[in-house]
C-alpha atoms as a PDB file:
ATOM      1  CA  MET A   1     127.940  77.789 109.851  1.00  0.00           C
ATOM      2  CA  THR A   2     130.359  79.320 107.326  1.00  0.00           C
ATOM      3  CA  ARG A   3     130.136  82.683 109.048  1.00  0.00           C
ATOM      4  CA  PHE A   4     130.867  81.060 112.431  1.00  0.00           C
ATOM      5  CA  LEU A   5     133.843  79.188 110.995  1.00  0.00           C
ATOM      6  CA  ARG A   6     135.206  82.310 109.280  1.00  0.00           C
ATOM      7  CA  SER A   7     134.952  84.296 112.514  1.00  0.00           C
ATOM      8  CA  ASN A   8     136.523  81.670 114.754  1.00  0.00           C
ATOM      9  CA  PHE A   9     138.963  79.387 112.933  1.00  0.00           C
ATOM     10  CA  ALA A  10     142.004  81.645 113.422  1.00  0.00           C
ATOM     11  CA  LYS A  11     141.247  81.956 117.140  1.00  0.00           C
ATOM     12  CA  ALA A  12     141.009  78.169 117.415  1.00  0.00           C
ATOM     13  CA  VAL A  13     144.411  77.784 115.740  1.00  0.00           C
ATOM     14  CA  ALA A  14     145.917  80.540 117.894  1.00  0.00           C
ATOM     15  CA  VAL A  15     144.617  78.940 121.102  1.00  0.00           C
ATOM     16  CA  ILE A  16     146.076  75.559 120.070  1.00  0.00           C
ATOM     17  CA  TYR A  17     149.522  76.949 119.314  1.00  0.00           C
ATOM     18  CA  THR A  18     149.546  79.228 122.367  1.00  0.00           C
ATOM     19  CA  GLY A  19     148.623  76.262 124.556  1.00  0.00           C
ATOM     20  CA  GLY A  20     151.206  74.112 122.793  1.00  0.00           C
ATOM     21  CA  THR A  21     153.899  76.718 123.440  1.00  0.00           C
ATOM     22  CA  VAL A  22     153.005  76.737 127.135  1.00  0.00           C
ATOM     23  CA  ALA A  23     152.942  72.915 127.226  1.00  0.00           C
ATOM     24  CA  HIS A  24     156.412  72.640 125.684  1.00  0.00           C
ATOM     25  CA  VAL A  25     157.858  75.278 128.016  1.00  0.00           C
ATOM     26  CA  LEU A  26     156.340  73.430 130.995  1.00  0.00           C
ATOM     27  CA  ARG A  27     157.794  70.188 129.687  1.00  0.00           C
ATOM     28  CA  LEU A  28     161.229  71.818 129.604  1.00  0.00           C
ATOM     29  CA  ILE A  29     160.809  73.082 133.166  1.00  0.00           C
ATOM     30  CA  TYR A  30     159.264  69.982 134.772  1.00  0.00           C
ATOM     31  CA  ARG A  31     160.669  67.271 132.468  1.00  0.00           C
ATOM     32  CA  PHE A  32     157.416  65.291 132.350  1.00  0.00           C
ATOM     33  CA  THR A  33     157.158  62.333 129.981  1.00  0.00           C
ATOM     34  CA  TRP A  34     154.487  61.120 127.595  1.00  0.00           C
ATOM     35  CA  GLN A  35     153.273  58.625 130.216  1.00  0.00           C
ATOM     36  CA  GLU A  36     152.361  61.502 132.552  1.00  0.00           C
ATOM     37  CA  MET A  37     150.288  63.463 130.056  1.00  0.00           C
ATOM     38  CA  PRO A  38     146.524  63.854 130.643  1.00  0.00           C
ATOM     39  CA  TYR A  39     144.071  63.186 127.811  1.00  0.00           C
ATOM     40  CA  TRP A  40     142.073  66.439 127.928  1.00  0.00           C
ATOM     41  CA  PRO A  41     144.592  68.311 125.710  1.00  0.00           C
ATOM     42  CA  ASP A  42     144.114  65.614 123.056  1.00  0.00           C
ATOM     43  CA  TRP A  43     140.371  66.325 123.085  1.00  0.00           C
ATOM     44  CA  VAL A  44     140.947  70.078 122.830  1.00  0.00           C
ATOM     45  CA  LEU A  45     143.390  69.674 119.964  1.00  0.00           C
ATOM     46  CA  SER A  46     141.158  67.198 118.133  1.00  0.00           C
ATOM     47  CA  ILE A  47     138.116  69.489 118.280  1.00  0.00           C
ATOM     48  CA  LEU A  48     139.681  72.930 117.861  1.00  0.00           C
ATOM     49  CA  GLY A  49     142.248  71.588 115.406  1.00  0.00           C
ATOM     50  CA  THR A  50     139.562  70.248 113.115  1.00  0.00           C
ATOM     51  CA  ILE A  51     137.846  73.654 113.138  1.00  0.00           C
ATOM     52  CA  GLY A  52     141.197  75.354 112.560  1.00  0.00           C
ATOM     53  CA  VAL A  53     142.301  73.196 109.634  1.00  0.00           C
ATOM     54  CA  ALA A  54     138.891  73.482 107.959  1.00  0.00           C
ATOM     55  CA  GLY A  55     138.983  77.270 108.222  1.00  0.00           C
ATOM     56  CA  LEU A  56     142.617  77.586 107.135  1.00  0.00           C
ATOM     57  CA  VAL A  57     141.826  75.624 103.979  1.00  0.00           C
ATOM     58  CA  MET A  58     138.381  77.106 103.240  1.00  0.00           C
ATOM     59  CA  PHE A  59     139.449  80.723 103.697  1.00  0.00           C
ATOM     60  CA  ALA A  60     143.025  80.552 102.381  1.00  0.00           C
ATOM     61  CA  ARG A  61     142.133  82.769  99.396  1.00  0.00           C
ATOM     62  CA  GLU A  62     140.714  85.438 101.714  1.00  0.00           C
ATOM     63  CA  VAL A  63     143.893  85.814 103.768  1.00  0.00           C
ATOM     64  CA  GLU A  64     145.681  89.117 103.270  1.00  0.00           C
ATOM     65  CA  TYR A  65     149.152  87.641 103.134  1.00  0.00           C
ATOM     66  CA  ARG A  66     152.017  89.884 104.260  1.00  0.00           C
ATOM     67  CA  GLY A  67     154.395  88.291 101.795  1.00  0.00           C
ATOM     68  CA  THR A  68     155.559  84.934 100.511  1.00  0.00           C
ATOM     69  CA  TRP A  69     156.811  84.008 103.994  1.00  0.00           C
ATOM     70  CA  GLU A  70     153.249  84.111 105.304  1.00  0.00           C
ATOM     71  CA  ARG A  71     151.852  82.049 102.442  1.00  0.00           C
ATOM     72  CA  ILE A  72     154.484  79.381 103.179  1.00  0.00           C
ATOM     73  CA  THR A  73     153.789  79.626 106.923  1.00  0.00           C
ATOM     74  CA  HIS A  74     150.047  79.263 106.286  1.00  0.00           C
ATOM     75  CA  TRP A  75     150.469  75.931 104.509  1.00  0.00           C
ATOM     76  CA  LEU A  76     153.058  74.724 107.037  1.00  0.00           C
ATOM     77  CA  ILE A  77     150.452  75.343 109.745  1.00  0.00           C
ATOM     78  CA  VAL A  78     147.812  73.481 107.718  1.00  0.00           C
ATOM     79  CA  ALA A  79     150.124  70.489 107.302  1.00  0.00           C
ATOM     80  CA  HIS A  80     151.376  70.469 110.900  1.00  0.00           C
ATOM     81  CA  LEU A  81     147.952  70.984 112.427  1.00  0.00           C
ATOM     82  CA  GLY A  82     146.315  68.428 110.134  1.00  0.00           C
ATOM     83  CA  VAL A  83     148.841  65.751 111.082  1.00  0.00           C
ATOM     84  CA  SER A  84     148.577  66.751 114.753  1.00  0.00           C
ATOM     85  CA  VAL A  85     144.799  66.339 114.713  1.00  0.00           C
ATOM     86  CA  VAL A  86     145.128  62.836 113.271  1.00  0.00           C
ATOM     87  CA  VAL A  87     147.825  61.890 115.816  1.00  0.00           C
ATOM     88  CA  HIS A  88     145.802  63.195 118.770  1.00  0.00           C
ATOM     89  CA  MET A  89     142.646  61.447 117.545  1.00  0.00           C
ATOM     90  CA  TRP A  90     144.724  58.250 117.333  1.00  0.00           C
ATOM     91  CA  ILE A  91     145.919  58.823 120.905  1.00  0.00           C
ATOM     92  CA  LEU A  92     142.300  59.077 122.034  1.00  0.00           C
ATOM     93  CA  ALA A  93     141.291  55.978 120.058  1.00  0.00           C
ATOM     94  CA  VAL A  94     144.019  53.783 121.556  1.00  0.00           C
ATOM     95  CA  ARG A  95     144.125  55.557 124.963  1.00  0.00           C
ATOM     96  CA  SER A  96     147.904  55.808 124.883  1.00  0.00           C
ATOM     97  CA  HIS A  97     150.433  58.599 124.402  1.00  0.00           C
ATOM     98  CA  GLU A  98     153.080  56.076 123.380  1.00  0.00           C
ATOM     99  CA  VAL A  99     153.137  57.489 119.838  1.00  0.00           C
ATOM    100  CA  LEU A 100     154.781  60.591 121.357  1.00  0.00           C
ATOM    101  CA  ALA A 101     157.630  58.586 122.911  1.00  0.00           C
ATOM    102  CA  GLY A 102     159.935  59.487 120.020  1.00  0.00           C
ATOM    103  CA  PHE A 103     159.835  63.188 120.908  1.00  0.00           C
ATOM    104  CA  SER A 104     162.657  63.801 123.367  1.00  0.00           C
ATOM    105  CA  ILE A 105     162.791  66.622 125.892  1.00  0.00           C
ATOM    106  CA  GLY A 106     165.216  68.353 123.512  1.00  0.00           C
ATOM    107  CA  TYR A 107     162.493  68.482 120.842  1.00  0.00           C
ATOM    108  CA  SER A 108     160.516  70.826 123.098  1.00  0.00           C
ATOM    109  CA  TYR A 109     163.112  73.595 122.560  1.00  0.00           C
ATOM    110  CA  LEU A 110     162.391  73.563 118.835  1.00  0.00           C
ATOM    111  CA  ALA A 111     158.667  72.989 119.296  1.00  0.00           C
ATOM    112  CA  ALA A 112     158.244  75.879 121.753  1.00  0.00           C
ATOM    113  CA  THR A 113     159.896  78.159 119.197  1.00  0.00           C
ATOM    114  CA  TYR A 114     157.834  77.227 116.158  1.00  0.00           C
ATOM    115  CA  PHE A 115     154.627  76.870 118.194  1.00  0.00           C
ATOM    116  CA  ALA A 116     155.134  80.447 119.431  1.00  0.00           C
ATOM    117  CA  PHE A 117     155.691  81.627 115.857  1.00  0.00           C
ATOM    118  CA  PHE A 118     152.587  79.775 114.626  1.00  0.00           C
ATOM    119  CA  ALA A 119     150.594  81.220 117.554  1.00  0.00           C
ATOM    120  CA  TRP A 120     151.713  84.778 116.756  1.00  0.00           C
ATOM    121  CA  ARG A 121     150.839  84.330 113.093  1.00  0.00           C
ATOM    122  CA  SER A 122     147.410  82.904 113.979  1.00  0.00           C
ATOM    123  CA  TRP A 123     146.585  85.724 116.413  1.00  0.00           C
ATOM    124  CA  THR A 124     147.532  88.293 113.729  1.00  0.00           C
ATOM    125  CA  ILE A 125     146.015  86.696 110.602  1.00  0.00           C
ATOM    126  CA  ARG A 126     143.978  89.127 108.518  1.00  0.00           C
ATOM    127  CA  LEU A 127     141.128  88.221 106.191  1.00  0.00           C
ATOM    128  CA  SER A 128     139.833  90.337 103.350  1.00  0.00           C
ATOM    129  CA  PRO A 129     136.921  92.479 104.638  1.00  0.00           C
ATOM    130  CA  ALA A 130     135.176  92.316 101.254  1.00  0.00           C
ATOM    131  CA  ALA A 131     134.846  88.561 101.573  1.00  0.00           C
ATOM    132  CA  ALA A 132     132.894  88.957 104.829  1.00  0.00           C
ATOM    133  CA  ALA A 133     129.971  90.619 103.081  1.00  0.00           C
ATOM    134  CA  PRO A 134     126.935  88.325 102.603  1.00  0.00           C
END
């Protein structure tokens, strides 16, 4: 299981943030509201996000950081993704996106930007090859 998690957690995080970037750009284009959102993205984020957060924490010491900026970014992603998983699990539990009502359309400009940055970082994360040995 550890080998599976090590091989796939960064991809799970990258898929989440790539999808989130697309979702925020689409929200800017089509101006949809929280009431119009389907629930399947909440399921995807809850499942892949849990895998992603677990891997980001478990393998943090194996990351070949490209500088202090990446170490800070790593833990920002852990915090953001961890909170997001809890929020999206809550959404599924109560069957309502009302908790997202506070995020205006304008927020999507900022979100699309940092989601894209988090996606890029997740697609390009590098782990120490020595740590992969059994």
